[in-house]
Amino acid sequence: DDKNLAHLTHVSEMEKKCESLSRMTAILKDVIQNK
């Protein structure tokens, strides 16, 4: 159970990182297009 819980925590952390990465990418695209 502990291993499973740790895996779930790791997955959610990765998802958060992916979300912030895609947000940053979208912001960068906007900035580039606005120039």
N, C-alpha and C. Protein backbone atom coordinates (compact mmCIF):
# COMPACT_ATOMS: atom_id res chain seq x y z
N ASP A 1 0.83 -1.21 0.00
CA ASP A 1 0.00 0.00 0.00
C ASP A 1 0.86 1.26 0.00
N ASP A 2 1.92 1.24 0.80
CA ASP A 2 2.80 2.41 0.86
C ASP A 2 3.42 2.70 -0.50
N LYS A 3 3.84 1.64 -1.18
CA LYS A 3 4.45 1.83 -2.51
C LYS A 3 3.43 2.44 -3.46
N ASN A 4 2.20 1.95 -3.39
CA ASN A 4 1.15 2.44 -4.28
C ASN A 4 0.89 3.91 -4.00
N LEU A 5 0.83 4.27 -2.72
CA LEU A 5 0.57 5.66 -2.33
C LEU A 5 1.70 6.56 -2.81
N ALA A 6 2.93 6.10 -2.63
CA ALA A 6 4.09 6.89 -3.08
C ALA A 6 4.03 7.08 -4.58
N HIS A 7 3.63 6.04 -5.30
CA HIS A 7 3.53 6.13 -6.76
C HIS A 7 2.48 7.16 -7.15
N LEU A 8 1.33 7.13 -6.47
CA LEU A 8 0.26 8.09 -6.77
C LEU A 8 0.73 9.51 -6.51
N THR A 9 1.44 9.71 -5.41
CA THR A 9 1.95 11.03 -5.07
C THR A 9 2.91 11.50 -6.16
N HIS A 10 3.78 10.60 -6.59
CA HIS A 10 4.76 10.93 -7.63
C HIS A 10 4.04 11.32 -8.92
N VAL A 11 3.02 10.56 -9.27
CA VAL A 11 2.27 10.83 -10.51
C VAL A 11 1.61 12.20 -10.44
N SER A 12 1.01 12.52 -9.30
CA SER A 12 0.33 13.82 -9.19
C SER A 12 1.35 14.95 -9.25
N GLU A 13 2.53 14.73 -8.69
CA GLU A 13 3.59 15.75 -8.77
C GLU A 13 3.99 15.97 -10.23
N MET A 14 4.14 14.87 -10.97
CA MET A 14 4.50 14.96 -12.38
C MET A 14 3.42 15.70 -13.16
N GLU A 15 2.16 15.41 -12.83
CA GLU A 15 1.05 16.07 -13.52
C GLU A 15 1.09 17.57 -13.26
N LYS A 16 1.40 17.95 -12.01
CA LYS A 16 1.48 19.38 -11.68
C LYS A 16 2.59 20.03 -12.49
N LYS A 17 3.73 19.36 -12.59
CA LYS A 17 4.86 19.91 -13.36
C LYS A 17 4.48 20.06 -14.82
N CYS A 18 3.80 19.05 -15.36
CA CYS A 18 3.38 19.11 -16.77
C CYS A 18 2.42 20.28 -16.99
N GLU A 19 1.51 20.47 -16.02
CA GLU A 19 0.55 21.57 -16.14
C GLU A 19 1.26 22.91 -16.17
N SER A 20 2.19 23.11 -15.23
CA SER A 20 2.88 24.40 -15.19
C SER A 20 3.76 24.57 -16.43
N LEU A 21 4.32 23.48 -16.94
CA LEU A 21 5.13 23.56 -18.16
C LEU A 21 4.28 23.99 -19.35
N SER A 22 3.10 23.39 -19.49
CA SER A 22 2.24 23.74 -20.62
C SER A 22 1.75 25.17 -20.49
N ARG A 23 1.53 25.61 -19.24
CA ARG A 23 1.10 27.00 -19.01
C ARG A 23 2.21 27.95 -19.43
N MET A 24 3.43 27.62 -19.03
CA MET A 24 4.59 28.46 -19.39
C MET A 24 4.74 28.51 -20.91
N THR A 25 4.57 27.36 -21.56
CA THR A 25 4.69 27.30 -23.02
C THR A 25 3.66 28.20 -23.68
N ALA A 26 2.42 28.14 -23.18
CA ALA A 26 1.35 28.97 -23.75
C ALA A 26 1.67 30.45 -23.57
N ILE A 27 2.17 30.81 -22.39
CA ILE A 27 2.52 32.21 -22.11
C ILE A 27 3.65 32.65 -23.04
N LEU A 28 4.66 31.79 -23.20
CA LEU A 28 5.78 32.13 -24.08
C LEU A 28 5.30 32.34 -25.51
N LYS A 29 4.40 31.47 -25.98
CA LYS A 29 3.87 31.61 -27.34
C LYS A 29 3.17 32.96 -27.49
N ASP A 30 2.38 33.34 -26.48
CA ASP A 30 1.68 34.63 -26.52
C ASP A 30 2.69 35.77 -26.61
N VAL A 31 3.73 35.70 -25.79
CA VAL A 31 4.74 36.75 -25.76
C VAL A 31 5.42 36.87 -27.12
N ILE A 32 5.77 35.73 -27.71
CA ILE A 32 6.44 35.73 -29.01
C ILE A 32 5.53 36.32 -30.08
N GLN A 33 4.25 35.96 -30.05
CA GLN A 33 3.32 36.45 -31.07
C GLN A 33 3.05 37.94 -30.91
N ASN A 34 3.14 38.44 -29.68
CA ASN A 34 2.85 39.85 -29.44
C ASN A 34 3.97 40.77 -29.91
N LYS A 35 5.16 40.22 -30.13
CA LYS A 35 6.29 41.06 -30.54
C LYS A 35 6.11 41.53 -31.98
